[in-house]
Amino acid sequence: MKVKDKQVRKLLSRYHLTEFETEVLIATALIEEGKTITYKELAARIGRPYSYRAVGNALGKNPLAPVIPCHRVIKSNGELGGYSGKGGIRRKENLLRSEKAI
């Protein structure tokens, strides 16, 4: 486990998340600024390649958006997908534009 993994796990420990949700959010925290990945790619990164819908559900519970950058996860067809953080999909689009990811 990397240092950042431990830091994120500690931050998330105060929330009632499943181990799966925690793993998804840790992997999400490692996505570099200015980059996007798909829900399917994120599922593969955590070793659960067919769990991309569950990944989306876990991201919807992200208590630390945009600190844990779930806005960097998009659909396989290039559409933005959802964003449960304050401001909704418009905020997701603005965050990605500010990072020059779209």
C-alpha atoms as a PDB file:
ATOM      1  CA  MET A   1       0.000   0.000   0.000  1.00  0.00           C
ATOM      2  CA  LYS A   2       1.399   3.382  -1.008  1.00  0.00           C
ATOM      3  CA  VAL A   3       1.568   6.396   1.316  1.00  0.00           C
ATOM      4  CA  LYS A   4      -1.279   8.125  -0.530  1.00  0.00           C
ATOM      5  CA  ASP A   5      -3.365   4.939  -0.219  1.00  0.00           C
ATOM      6  CA  LYS A   6      -2.911   5.019   3.562  1.00  0.00           C
ATOM      7  CA  GLN A   7      -3.765   8.716   3.727  1.00  0.00           C
ATOM      8  CA  VAL A   8      -6.944   8.270   1.691  1.00  0.00           C
ATOM      9  CA  ARG A   9      -7.950   5.185   3.690  1.00  0.00           C
ATOM     10  CA  LYS A  10      -7.536   7.184   6.912  1.00  0.00           C
ATOM     11  CA  LEU A  11      -9.679  10.038   5.547  1.00  0.00           C
ATOM     12  CA  LEU A  12     -12.382   7.599   4.473  1.00  0.00           C
ATOM     13  CA  SER A  13     -12.373   5.654   7.737  1.00  0.00           C
ATOM     14  CA  ARG A  14     -14.784   8.096   9.354  1.00  0.00           C
ATOM     15  CA  TYR A  15     -17.484   7.346   6.782  1.00  0.00           C
ATOM     16  CA  HIS A  16     -19.616   4.212   6.643  1.00  0.00           C
ATOM     17  CA  LEU A  17     -18.306   2.732   3.405  1.00  0.00           C
ATOM     18  CA  THR A  18     -17.895  -0.874   2.357  1.00  0.00           C
ATOM     19  CA  GLU A  19     -14.434  -2.239   1.602  1.00  0.00           C
ATOM     20  CA  PHE A  20     -15.350  -2.208  -2.108  1.00  0.00           C
ATOM     21  CA  GLU A  21     -16.390   1.467  -1.965  1.00  0.00           C
ATOM     22  CA  THR A  22     -13.182   2.311  -0.116  1.00  0.00           C
ATOM     23  CA  GLU A  23     -11.059   0.512  -2.723  1.00  0.00           C
ATOM     24  CA  VAL A  24     -12.841   2.355  -5.540  1.00  0.00           C
ATOM     25  CA  LEU A  25     -12.248   5.715  -3.877  1.00  0.00           C
ATOM     26  CA  ILE A  26      -8.587   4.959  -3.149  1.00  0.00           C
ATOM     27  CA  ALA A  27      -8.052   4.054  -6.819  1.00  0.00           C
ATOM     28  CA  THR A  28      -9.913   7.208  -7.825  1.00  0.00           C
ATOM     29  CA  ALA A  29      -7.658   9.341  -5.628  1.00  0.00           C
ATOM     30  CA  LEU A  30      -4.699   8.120  -7.688  1.00  0.00           C
ATOM     31  CA  ILE A  31      -6.040   9.453 -11.010  1.00  0.00           C
ATOM     32  CA  GLU A  32      -3.738  12.240 -12.123  1.00  0.00           C
ATOM     33  CA  GLU A  33      -5.023  15.774 -12.612  1.00  0.00           C
ATOM     34  CA  GLY A  34      -5.847  16.456 -16.246  1.00  0.00           C
ATOM     35  CA  LYS A  35      -6.510  12.786 -16.974  1.00  0.00           C
ATOM     36  CA  THR A  36      -9.751  10.855 -17.262  1.00  0.00           C
ATOM     37  CA  ILE A  37     -10.462   7.143 -17.144  1.00  0.00           C
ATOM     38  CA  THR A  38     -13.626   5.174 -17.720  1.00  0.00           C
ATOM     39  CA  TYR A  39     -15.726   3.396 -15.125  1.00  0.00           C
ATOM     40  CA  LYS A  40     -14.658   0.162 -16.812  1.00  0.00           C
ATOM     41  CA  GLU A  41     -10.954   1.061 -16.572  1.00  0.00           C
ATOM     42  CA  LEU A  42     -11.369   1.915 -12.908  1.00  0.00           C
ATOM     43  CA  ALA A  43     -13.080  -1.428 -12.290  1.00  0.00           C
ATOM     44  CA  ALA A  44     -10.127  -3.169 -13.947  1.00  0.00           C
ATOM     45  CA  ARG A  45      -7.648  -1.200 -11.816  1.00  0.00           C
ATOM     46  CA  ILE A  46      -9.171  -2.592  -8.652  1.00  0.00           C
ATOM     47  CA  GLY A  47      -9.190  -6.118 -10.064  1.00  0.00           C
ATOM     48  CA  ARG A  48     -12.954  -6.249 -10.664  1.00  0.00           C
ATOM     49  CA  PRO A  49     -13.227  -5.766 -14.467  1.00  0.00           C
ATOM     50  CA  TYR A  50     -16.956  -6.509 -14.697  1.00  0.00           C
ATOM     51  CA  SER A  51     -17.982  -4.300 -11.778  1.00  0.00           C
ATOM     52  CA  TYR A  52     -18.086  -0.995 -13.640  1.00  0.00           C
ATOM     53  CA  ARG A  53     -21.717  -0.327 -12.682  1.00  0.00           C
ATOM     54  CA  ALA A  54     -20.883  -0.981  -9.027  1.00  0.00           C
ATOM     55  CA  VAL A  55     -17.916   1.383  -9.432  1.00  0.00           C
ATOM     56  CA  GLY A  56     -20.339   4.087 -10.576  1.00  0.00           C
ATOM     57  CA  ASN A  57     -22.541   3.455  -7.549  1.00  0.00           C
ATOM     58  CA  ALA A  58     -19.524   3.642  -5.230  1.00  0.00           C
ATOM     59  CA  LEU A  59     -18.439   6.933  -6.794  1.00  0.00           C
ATOM     60  CA  GLY A  60     -21.944   8.255  -6.191  1.00  0.00           C
ATOM     61  CA  LYS A  61     -21.250   7.833  -2.461  1.00  0.00           C
ATOM     62  CA  ASN A  62     -17.970   9.768  -2.538  1.00  0.00           C
ATOM     63  CA  PRO A  63     -18.090  11.893   0.626  1.00  0.00           C
ATOM     64  CA  LEU A  64     -14.993  13.863  -0.360  1.00  0.00           C
ATOM     65  CA  ALA A  65     -15.765  15.054  -3.884  1.00  0.00           C
ATOM     66  CA  PRO A  66     -13.870  16.760  -5.497  1.00  0.00           C
ATOM     67  CA  VAL A  67     -10.948  16.065  -3.116  1.00  0.00           C
ATOM     68  CA  ILE A  68     -11.215  12.461  -4.257  1.00  0.00           C
ATOM     69  CA  PRO A  69     -11.580  13.300  -7.945  1.00  0.00           C
ATOM     70  CA  CYS A  70     -14.520  11.162  -9.046  1.00  0.00           C
ATOM     71  CA  HIS A  71     -15.152  13.809 -11.706  1.00  0.00           C
ATOM     72  CA  ARG A  72     -12.231  12.267 -13.619  1.00  0.00           C
ATOM     73  CA  VAL A  73     -14.187   9.073 -14.274  1.00  0.00           C
ATOM     74  CA  ILE A  74     -16.274   9.080 -17.448  1.00  0.00           C
ATOM     75  CA  LYS A  75     -18.306   6.687 -19.574  1.00  0.00           C
ATOM     76  CA  SER A  76     -16.642   4.441 -22.161  1.00  0.00           C
ATOM     77  CA  ASN A  77     -18.406   6.320 -24.975  1.00  0.00           C
ATOM     78  CA  GLY A  78     -16.788   9.602 -23.890  1.00  0.00           C
ATOM     79  CA  GLU A  79     -19.892  11.046 -22.223  1.00  0.00           C
ATOM     80  CA  LEU A  80     -19.362  12.502 -18.779  1.00  0.00           C
ATOM     81  CA  GLY A  81     -21.711  10.218 -16.864  1.00  0.00           C
ATOM     82  CA  GLY A  82     -23.062  11.361 -13.523  1.00  0.00           C
ATOM     83  CA  TYR A  83     -21.713  13.478 -10.707  1.00  0.00           C
ATOM     84  CA  SER A  84     -23.239  13.433  -7.249  1.00  0.00           C
ATOM     85  CA  GLY A  85     -21.067  16.236  -5.903  1.00  0.00           C
ATOM     86  CA  LYS A  86     -22.438  19.701  -5.330  1.00  0.00           C
ATOM     87  CA  GLY A  87     -23.351  21.316  -8.639  1.00  0.00           C
ATOM     88  CA  GLY A  88     -24.036  18.054 -10.453  1.00  0.00           C
ATOM     89  CA  ILE A  89     -22.946  17.341 -13.996  1.00  0.00           C
ATOM     90  CA  ARG A  90     -22.310  21.023 -14.763  1.00  0.00           C
ATOM     91  CA  ARG A  91     -19.750  21.102 -11.944  1.00  0.00           C
ATOM     92  CA  LYS A  92     -18.127  17.908 -13.265  1.00  0.00           C
ATOM     93  CA  GLU A  93     -17.777  19.470 -16.691  1.00  0.00           C
ATOM     94  CA  ASN A  94     -16.322  22.679 -15.212  1.00  0.00           C
ATOM     95  CA  LEU A  95     -13.813  20.735 -13.098  1.00  0.00           C
ATOM     96  CA  LEU A  96     -12.651  18.741 -16.119  1.00  0.00           C
ATOM     97  CA  ARG A  97     -12.374  21.898 -18.236  1.00  0.00           C
ATOM     98  CA  SER A  98     -10.342  23.644 -15.532  1.00  0.00           C
ATOM     99  CA  GLU A  99      -7.964  20.664 -15.515  1.00  0.00           C
ATOM    100  CA  LYS A 100      -7.877  20.722 -19.344  1.00  0.00           C
ATOM    101  CA  ALA A 101      -9.076  17.117 -19.353  1.00  0.00           C
ATOM    102  CA  ILE A 102     -11.838  17.917 -21.875  1.00  0.00           C
END
